[in-house]
């Protein structure tokens, strides 16, 4: 039986919950970092900016994510909430 969402809307709900979880975890990690030193550890993953110049249009591509421990936990909580909805 369906959960009440069609598959198209379900993907956007997942993305929204992951963004909310990641932002909440990142904010909490930054707020608690002065008191809990291991929360200062971050890892940066992504794709460096690349430019494609076609003389009539210039495109820039690049994505970078900076993760701390609470950001990862926030993403996991967002996914768990998605599975429960």
PDB file of N, CA and C in Angstrom:
ATOM      1  N   UNK A   1       0.830  -1.180   0.000  1.00  0.00           N
ATOM      2  CA  UNK A   1       0.000   0.000   0.000  1.00  0.00           C
ATOM      3  C   UNK A   1       0.876   1.244   0.000  1.00  0.00           C
ATOM      4  N   UNK A   2       0.449   2.287  -0.641  1.00  0.00           N
ATOM      5  CA  UNK A   2       1.219   3.513  -0.738  1.00  0.00           C
ATOM      6  C   UNK A   2       1.220   4.281   0.582  1.00  0.00           C
ATOM      7  N   UNK A   3       2.265   5.060   0.790  1.00  0.00           N
ATOM      8  CA  UNK A   3       2.371   5.865   2.004  1.00  0.00           C
ATOM      9  C   UNK A   3       1.574   7.156   1.909  1.00  0.00           C
ATOM     10  N   UNK A   4       0.900   7.402   0.804  1.00  0.00           N
ATOM     11  CA  UNK A   4       0.137   8.624   0.637  1.00  0.00           C
ATOM     12  C   UNK A   4       0.829   9.630  -0.269  1.00  0.00           C
ATOM     13  N   UNK A   5       2.047   9.376  -0.642  1.00  0.00           N
ATOM     14  CA  UNK A   5       2.789  10.255  -1.531  1.00  0.00           C
ATOM     15  C   UNK A   5       3.119   9.481  -2.792  1.00  0.00           C
ATOM     16  N   UNK A   6       3.034  10.158  -3.949  1.00  0.00           N
ATOM     17  CA  UNK A   6       3.523   9.474  -5.140  1.00  0.00           C
ATOM     18  C   UNK A   6       5.038   9.574  -5.172  1.00  0.00           C
ATOM     19  N   UNK A   7       5.687   8.816  -6.006  1.00  0.00           N
ATOM     20  CA  UNK A   7       7.147   8.712  -5.964  1.00  0.00           C
ATOM     21  C   UNK A   7       7.833  10.036  -6.282  1.00  0.00           C
ATOM     22  N   UNK A   8       7.235  10.895  -7.110  1.00  0.00           N
ATOM     23  CA  UNK A   8       7.849  12.182  -7.447  1.00  0.00           C
ATOM     24  C   UNK A   8       7.904  13.081  -6.221  1.00  0.00           C
ATOM     25  N   UNK A   9       6.779  13.206  -5.512  1.00  0.00           N
ATOM     26  CA  UNK A   9       6.753  14.040  -4.311  1.00  0.00           C
ATOM     27  C   UNK A   9       7.602  13.431  -3.209  1.00  0.00           C
ATOM     28  N   UNK A  10       7.680  12.132  -3.165  1.00  0.00           N
ATOM     29  CA  UNK A  10       8.432  11.453  -2.126  1.00  0.00           C
ATOM     30  C   UNK A  10       9.916  11.798  -2.203  1.00  0.00           C
ATOM     31  N   UNK A  11      10.464  11.929  -3.381  1.00  0.00           N
ATOM     32  CA  UNK A  11      11.875  12.293  -3.539  1.00  0.00           C
ATOM     33  C   UNK A  11      12.114  13.698  -3.001  1.00  0.00           C
ATOM     34  N   UNK A  12      11.210  14.635  -3.289  1.00  0.00           N
ATOM     35  CA  UNK A  12      11.381  16.002  -2.815  1.00  0.00           C
ATOM     36  C   UNK A  12      11.236  16.087  -1.296  1.00  0.00           C
ATOM     37  N   UNK A  13      10.397  15.271  -0.723  1.00  0.00           N
ATOM     38  CA  UNK A  13      10.276  15.234   0.737  1.00  0.00           C
ATOM     39  C   UNK A  13      11.568  14.701   1.345  1.00  0.00           C
ATOM     40  N   UNK A  14      12.144  13.673   0.745  1.00  0.00           N
ATOM     41  CA  UNK A  14      13.423  13.147   1.224  1.00  0.00           C
ATOM     42  C   UNK A  14      14.506  14.217   1.157  1.00  0.00           C
ATOM     43  N   UNK A  15      14.616  14.916   0.048  1.00  0.00           N
ATOM     44  CA  UNK A  15      15.619  15.973  -0.108  1.00  0.00           C
ATOM     45  C   UNK A  15      15.401  17.069   0.934  1.00  0.00           C
ATOM     46  N   UNK A  16      14.156  17.474   1.144  1.00  0.00           N
ATOM     47  CA  UNK A  16      13.844  18.505   2.124  1.00  0.00           C
ATOM     48  C   UNK A  16      14.228  18.067   3.533  1.00  0.00           C
ATOM     49  N   UNK A  17      13.891  16.837   3.909  1.00  0.00           N
ATOM     50  CA  UNK A  17      14.237  16.343   5.239  1.00  0.00           C
ATOM     51  C   UNK A  17      15.743  16.203   5.421  1.00  0.00           C
ATOM     52  N   UNK A  18      16.460  15.799   4.382  1.00  0.00           N
ATOM     53  CA  UNK A  18      17.916  15.720   4.471  1.00  0.00           C
ATOM     54  C   UNK A  18      18.546  17.102   4.627  1.00  0.00           C
ATOM     55  N   UNK A  19      18.020  18.087   3.914  1.00  0.00           N
ATOM     56  CA  UNK A  19      18.541  19.453   4.047  1.00  0.00           C
ATOM     57  C   UNK A  19      18.271  19.996   5.442  1.00  0.00           C
ATOM     58  N   UNK A  20      17.053  19.790   5.942  1.00  0.00           N
ATOM     59  CA  UNK A  20      16.715  20.256   7.289  1.00  0.00           C
ATOM     60  C   UNK A  20      17.585  19.558   8.331  1.00  0.00           C
ATOM     61  N   UNK A  21      17.749  18.245   8.216  1.00  0.00           N
ATOM     62  CA  UNK A  21      18.586  17.504   9.155  1.00  0.00           C
ATOM     63  C   UNK A  21      20.035  17.934   9.102  1.00  0.00           C
ATOM     64  N   UNK A  22      20.558  18.147   7.907  1.00  0.00           N
ATOM     65  CA  UNK A  22      21.938  18.595   7.757  1.00  0.00           C
ATOM     66  C   UNK A  22      22.158  19.990   8.313  1.00  0.00           C
ATOM     67  N   UNK A  23      21.218  20.895   8.043  1.00  0.00           N
ATOM     68  CA  UNK A  23      21.345  22.255   8.573  1.00  0.00           C
ATOM     69  C   UNK A  23      21.246  22.280  10.093  1.00  0.00           C
ATOM     70  N   UNK A  24      20.303  21.509  10.647  1.00  0.00           N
ATOM     71  CA  UNK A  24      20.149  21.463  12.100  1.00  0.00           C
ATOM     72  C   UNK A  24      21.394  20.866  12.759  1.00  0.00           C
ATOM     73  N   UNK A  25      21.910  19.789  12.198  1.00  0.00           N
ATOM     74  CA  UNK A  25      23.118  19.182  12.748  1.00  0.00           C
ATOM     75  C   UNK A  25      24.319  20.092  12.644  1.00  0.00           C
ATOM     76  N   UNK A  26      24.447  20.792  11.534  1.00  0.00           N
ATOM     77  CA  UNK A  26      25.566  21.712  11.351  1.00  0.00           C
ATOM     78  C   UNK A  26      25.484  22.880  12.328  1.00  0.00           C
ATOM     79  N   UNK A  27      24.290  23.444  12.498  1.00  0.00           N
ATOM     80  CA  UNK A  27      24.118  24.554  13.433  1.00  0.00           C
ATOM     81  C   UNK A  27      24.405  24.108  14.866  1.00  0.00           C
ATOM     82  N   UNK A  28      23.906  22.940  15.231  1.00  0.00           N
ATOM     83  CA  UNK A  28      24.147  22.417  16.575  1.00  0.00           C
ATOM     84  C   UNK A  28      25.631  22.119  16.782  1.00  0.00           C
ATOM     85  N   UNK A  29      26.278  21.570  15.774  1.00  0.00           N
ATOM     86  CA  UNK A  29      27.709  21.293  15.856  1.00  0.00           C
ATOM     87  C   UNK A  29      28.535  22.560  16.016  1.00  0.00           C
ATOM     88  N   UNK A  30      28.172  23.611  15.270  1.00  0.00           N
ATOM     89  CA  UNK A  30      28.893  24.881  15.385  1.00  0.00           C
ATOM     90  C   UNK A  30      28.641  25.537  16.741  1.00  0.00           C
ATOM     91  N   UNK A  31      27.436  25.392  17.282  1.00  0.00           N
ATOM     92  CA  UNK A  31      27.122  25.988  18.579  1.00  0.00           C
ATOM     93  C   UNK A  31      27.835  25.261  19.721  1.00  0.00           C
ATOM     94  N   UNK A  32      27.973  23.950  19.615  1.00  0.00           N
ATOM     95  CA  UNK A  32      28.577  23.167  20.683  1.00  0.00           C
ATOM     96  C   UNK A  32      30.090  22.989  20.534  1.00  0.00           C
ATOM     97  N   UNK A  33      30.652  23.377  19.409  1.00  0.00           N
ATOM     98  CA  UNK A  33      32.083  23.176  19.155  1.00  0.00           C
ATOM     99  C   UNK A  33      32.991  23.836  20.188  1.00  0.00           C
ATOM    100  N   UNK A  34      32.677  25.023  20.711  1.00  0.00           N
ATOM    101  CA  UNK A  34      33.566  25.588  21.739  1.00  0.00           C
ATOM    102  C   UNK A  34      33.603  24.764  23.029  1.00  0.00           C
ATOM    103  N   UNK A  35      32.567  23.999  23.299  1.00  0.00           N
ATOM    104  CA  UNK A  35      32.482  23.238  24.536  1.00  0.00           C
ATOM    105  C   UNK A  35      32.906  21.776  24.364  1.00  0.00           C
ATOM    106  N   UNK A  36      32.730  21.235  23.178  1.00  0.00           N
ATOM    107  CA  UNK A  36      33.091  19.842  22.894  1.00  0.00           C
ATOM    108  C   UNK A  36      34.095  19.867  21.730  1.00  0.00           C
ATOM    109  N   UNK A  37      35.382  19.757  22.030  1.00  0.00           N
ATOM    110  CA  UNK A  37      36.421  19.979  20.999  1.00  0.00           C
ATOM    111  C   UNK A  37      36.350  19.037  19.792  1.00  0.00           C
ATOM    112  N   UNK A  38      35.922  17.792  19.956  1.00  0.00           N
ATOM    113  CA  UNK A  38      35.931  16.876  18.815  1.00  0.00           C
ATOM    114  C   UNK A  38      34.881  17.230  17.773  1.00  0.00           C
ATOM    115  N   UNK A  39      33.949  18.136  18.091  1.00  0.00           N
ATOM    116  CA  UNK A  39      32.960  18.568  17.102  1.00  0.00           C
ATOM    117  C   UNK A  39      33.547  19.543  16.085  1.00  0.00           C
ATOM    118  N   UNK A  40      34.763  20.050  16.360  1.00  0.00           N
ATOM    119  CA  UNK A  40      35.412  20.968  15.423  1.00  0.00           C
ATOM    120  C   UNK A  40      35.961  20.250  14.198  1.00  0.00           C
ATOM    121  N   UNK A  41      36.098  18.931  14.292  1.00  0.00           N
ATOM    122  CA  UNK A  41      36.646  18.188  13.158  1.00  0.00           C
ATOM    123  C   UNK A  41      35.646  18.172  12.014  1.00  0.00           C
ATOM    124  N   UNK A  42      36.108  18.567  10.851  1.00  0.00           N
ATOM    125  CA  UNK A  42      35.253  18.599   9.667  1.00  0.00           C
ATOM    126  C   UNK A  42      35.946  17.879   8.522  1.00  0.00           C
ATOM    127  N   UNK A  43      35.148  17.472   7.578  1.00  0.00           N
ATOM    128  CA  UNK A  43      35.656  16.853   6.365  1.00  0.00           C
ATOM    129  C   UNK A  43      34.974  17.518   5.180  1.00  0.00           C
ATOM    130  N   UNK A  44      35.749  17.919   4.206  1.00  0.00           N
ATOM    131  CA  UNK A  44      35.218  18.585   3.026  1.00  0.00           C
ATOM    132  C   UNK A  44      35.280  17.622   1.846  1.00  0.00           C
ATOM    133  N   UNK A  45      34.136  17.386   1.230  1.00  0.00           N
ATOM    134  CA  UNK A  45      34.081  16.533   0.041  1.00  0.00           C
ATOM    135  C   UNK A  45      33.387  17.303  -1.073  1.00  0.00           C
ATOM    136  N   UNK A  46      33.739  17.007  -2.290  1.00  0.00           N
ATOM    137  CA  UNK A  46      33.057  17.679  -3.379  1.00  0.00           C
ATOM    138  C   UNK A  46      33.852  17.720  -4.656  1.00  0.00           C
ATOM    139  N   UNK A  47      33.396  18.572  -5.536  1.00  0.00           N
ATOM    140  CA  UNK A  47      33.955  18.755  -6.865  1.00  0.00           C
ATOM    141  C   UNK A  47      34.408  20.206  -6.972  1.00  0.00           C
ATOM    142  N   UNK A  48      35.679  20.420  -7.258  1.00  0.00           N
ATOM    143  CA  UNK A  48      36.178  21.788  -7.393  1.00  0.00           C
ATOM    144  C   UNK A  48      35.474  22.486  -8.560  1.00  0.00           C
ATOM    145  N   UNK A  49      35.344  23.813  -8.471  1.00  0.00           N
ATOM    146  CA  UNK A  49      34.674  24.534  -9.560  1.00  0.00           C
ATOM    147  C   UNK A  49      35.382  24.343 -10.900  1.00  0.00           C
ATOM    148  N   UNK A  50      34.597  24.060 -11.918  1.00  0.00           N
ATOM    149  CA  UNK A  50      35.089  23.865 -13.281  1.00  0.00           C
ATOM    150  C   UNK A  50      34.315  24.823 -14.181  1.00  0.00           C
ATOM    151  N   UNK A  51      34.996  25.467 -15.102  1.00  0.00           N
ATOM    152  CA  UNK A  51      34.356  26.417 -16.003  1.00  0.00           C
ATOM    153  C   UNK A  51      34.341  25.859 -17.418  1.00  0.00           C
ATOM    154  N   UNK A  52      33.187  25.943 -18.054  1.00  0.00           N
ATOM    155  CA  UNK A  52      33.029  25.549 -19.447  1.00  0.00           C
ATOM    156  C   UNK A  52      32.648  26.798 -20.233  1.00  0.00           C
ATOM    157  N   UNK A  53      33.552  27.286 -21.066  1.00  0.00           N
ATOM    158  CA  UNK A  53      33.325  28.507 -21.840  1.00  0.00           C
ATOM    159  C   UNK A  53      33.046  28.122 -23.290  1.00  0.00           C
ATOM    160  N   UNK A  54      31.818  28.394 -23.738  1.00  0.00           N
ATOM    161  CA  UNK A  54      31.414  28.075 -25.105  1.00  0.00           C
ATOM    162  C   UNK A  54      31.321  29.325 -25.978  1.00  0.00           C
ATOM    163  N   UNK A  55      31.951  30.398 -25.574  1.00  0.00           N
ATOM    164  CA  UNK A  55      32.037  31.709 -26.213  1.00  0.00           C
ATOM    165  C   UNK A  55      30.713  32.480 -26.204  1.00  0.00           C
ATOM    166  N   UNK A  56      29.579  31.829 -26.231  1.00  0.00           N
ATOM    167  CA  UNK A  56      28.320  32.548 -26.117  1.00  0.00           C
ATOM    168  C   UNK A  56      27.662  32.323 -24.750  1.00  0.00           C
ATOM    169  N   UNK A  57      28.162  31.357 -24.012  1.00  0.00           N
ATOM    170  CA  UNK A  57      27.667  31.082 -22.669  1.00  0.00           C
ATOM    171  C   UNK A  57      28.812  30.469 -21.855  1.00  0.00           C
ATOM    172  N   UNK A  58      28.869  30.853 -20.596  1.00  0.00           N
ATOM    173  CA  UNK A  58      29.879  30.310 -19.693  1.00  0.00           C
ATOM    174  C   UNK A  58      29.163  29.594 -18.566  1.00  0.00           C
ATOM    175  N   UNK A  59      29.522  28.337 -18.347  1.00  0.00           N
ATOM    176  CA  UNK A  59      28.907  27.542 -17.289  1.00  0.00           C
ATOM    177  C   UNK A  59      29.941  27.208 -16.229  1.00  0.00           C
ATOM    178  N   UNK A  60      29.525  27.285 -14.979  1.00  0.00           N
ATOM    179  CA  UNK A  60      30.384  26.939 -13.855  1.00  0.00           C
ATOM    180  C   UNK A  60      29.749  25.780 -13.106  1.00  0.00           C
ATOM    181  N   UNK A  61      30.519  24.738 -12.851  1.00  0.00           N
ATOM    182  CA  UNK A  61      30.040  23.569 -12.122  1.00  0.00           C
ATOM    183  C   UNK A  61      30.904  23.383 -10.873  1.00  0.00           C
ATOM    184  N   UNK A  62      30.284  23.001  -9.790  1.00  0.00           N
ATOM    185  CA  UNK A  62      31.041  22.693  -8.588  1.00  0.00           C
ATOM    186  C   UNK A  62      30.115  22.486  -7.402  1.00  0.00           C
ATOM    187  N   UNK A  63      30.451  21.536  -6.580  1.00  0.00           N
ATOM    188  CA  UNK A  63      29.681  21.236  -5.372  1.00  0.00           C
ATOM    189  C   UNK A  63      30.671  20.864  -4.270  1.00  0.00           C
ATOM    190  N   UNK A  64      30.490  21.438  -3.088  1.00  0.00           N
ATOM    191  CA  UNK A  64      31.332  21.096  -1.954  1.00  0.00           C
ATOM    192  C   UNK A  64      30.449  20.964  -0.726  1.00  0.00           C
ATOM    193  N   UNK A  65      30.672  19.920   0.050  1.00  0.00           N
ATOM    194  CA  UNK A  65      29.956  19.712   1.309  1.00  0.00           C
ATOM    195  C   UNK A  65      30.982  19.634   2.427  1.00  0.00           C
ATOM    196  N   UNK A  66      30.745  20.393   3.481  1.00  0.00           N
ATOM    197  CA  UNK A  66      31.609  20.368   4.665  1.00  0.00           C
ATOM    198  C   UNK A  66      30.807  19.696   5.768  1.00  0.00           C
ATOM    199  N   UNK A  67      31.293  18.557   6.218  1.00  0.00           N
ATOM    200  CA  UNK A  67      30.555  17.744   7.186  1.00  0.00           C
ATOM    201  C   UNK A  67      31.295  17.700   8.514  1.00  0.00           C
ATOM    202  N   UNK A  68      30.532  17.879   9.601  1.00  0.00           N
ATOM    203  CA  UNK A  68      31.057  17.620  10.928  1.00  0.00           C
ATOM    204  C   UNK A  68      30.258  16.451  11.504  1.00  0.00           C
ATOM    205  N   UNK A  69      30.636  15.905  12.642  1.00  0.00           N
ATOM    206  CA  UNK A  69      29.931  14.724  13.160  1.00  0.00           C
ATOM    207  C   UNK A  69      28.428  14.925  13.355  1.00  0.00           C
ATOM    208  N   UNK A  70      28.018  16.092  13.848  1.00  0.00           N
ATOM    209  CA  UNK A  70      26.587  16.308  14.059  1.00  0.00           C
ATOM    210  C   UNK A  70      25.827  16.541  12.752  1.00  0.00           C
ATOM    211  N   UNK A  71      26.504  17.013  11.716  1.00  0.00           N
ATOM    212  CA  UNK A  71      25.860  17.134  10.406  1.00  0.00           C
ATOM    213  C   UNK A  71      25.505  15.745   9.874  1.00  0.00           C
ATOM    214  N   UNK A  72      26.421  14.815  10.012  1.00  0.00           N
ATOM    215  CA  UNK A  72      26.164  13.439   9.570  1.00  0.00           C
ATOM    216  C   UNK A  72      25.017  12.830  10.373  1.00  0.00           C
ATOM    217  N   UNK A  73      25.006  13.064  11.692  1.00  0.00           N
ATOM    218  CA  UNK A  73      23.912  12.546  12.522  1.00  0.00           C
ATOM    219  C   UNK A  73      22.591  13.193  12.104  1.00  0.00           C
ATOM    220  N   UNK A  74      22.604  14.495  11.793  1.00  0.00           N
ATOM    221  CA  UNK A  74      21.397  15.174  11.320  1.00  0.00           C
ATOM    222  C   UNK A  74      20.885  14.598  10.016  1.00  0.00           C
ATOM    223  N   UNK A  75      21.790  14.249   9.098  1.00  0.00           N
ATOM    224  CA  UNK A  75      21.377  13.621   7.842  1.00  0.00           C
ATOM    225  C   UNK A  75      20.747  12.249   8.095  1.00  0.00           C
ATOM    226  N   UNK A  76      21.333  11.500   9.007  1.00  0.00           N
ATOM    227  CA  UNK A  76      20.784  10.174   9.342  1.00  0.00           C
ATOM    228  C   UNK A  76      19.410  10.314   9.975  1.00  0.00           C
ATOM    229  N   UNK A  77      19.247  11.288  10.877  1.00  0.00           N
ATOM    230  CA  UNK A  77      17.938  11.510  11.509  1.00  0.00           C
ATOM    231  C   UNK A  77      16.911  11.937  10.463  1.00  0.00           C
ATOM    232  N   UNK A  78      17.306  12.786   9.522  1.00  0.00           N
ATOM    233  CA  UNK A  78      16.401  13.189   8.445  1.00  0.00           C
ATOM    234  C   UNK A  78      15.949  12.002   7.620  1.00  0.00           C
ATOM    235  N   UNK A  79      16.853  11.073   7.340  1.00  0.00           N
ATOM    236  CA  UNK A  79      16.481   9.871   6.586  1.00  0.00           C
ATOM    237  C   UNK A  79      15.553   8.977   7.403  1.00  0.00           C
ATOM    238  N   UNK A  80      15.820   8.840   8.705  1.00  0.00           N
ATOM    239  CA  UNK A  80      14.956   8.026   9.556  1.00  0.00           C
ATOM    240  C   UNK A  80      13.552   8.632   9.633  1.00  0.00           C
ATOM    241  N   UNK A  81      13.463   9.953   9.740  1.00  0.00           N
ATOM    242  CA  UNK A  81      12.153  10.611   9.752  1.00  0.00           C
ATOM    243  C   UNK A  81      11.434  10.365   8.440  1.00  0.00           C
ATOM    244  N   UNK A  82      12.159  10.414   7.331  1.00  0.00           N
ATOM    245  CA  UNK A  82      11.552  10.134   6.019  1.00  0.00           C
ATOM    246  C   UNK A  82      10.980   8.724   5.961  1.00  0.00           C
ATOM    247  N   UNK A  83      11.708   7.765   6.498  1.00  0.00           N
ATOM    248  CA  UNK A  83      11.235   6.373   6.484  1.00  0.00           C
ATOM    249  C   UNK A  83      10.007   6.184   7.353  1.00  0.00           C
ATOM    250  N   UNK A  84       9.860   7.011   8.407  1.00  0.00           N
ATOM    251  CA  UNK A  84       8.717   6.889   9.318  1.00  0.00           C
ATOM    252  C   UNK A  84       7.475   7.588   8.771  1.00  0.00           C
ATOM    253  N   UNK A  85       7.659   8.581   7.871  1.00  0.00           N
ATOM    254  CA  UNK A  85       6.514   9.337   7.341  1.00  0.00           C
ATOM    255  C   UNK A  85       5.708   8.473   6.405  1.00  0.00           C
TER     256      UNK A  85
END
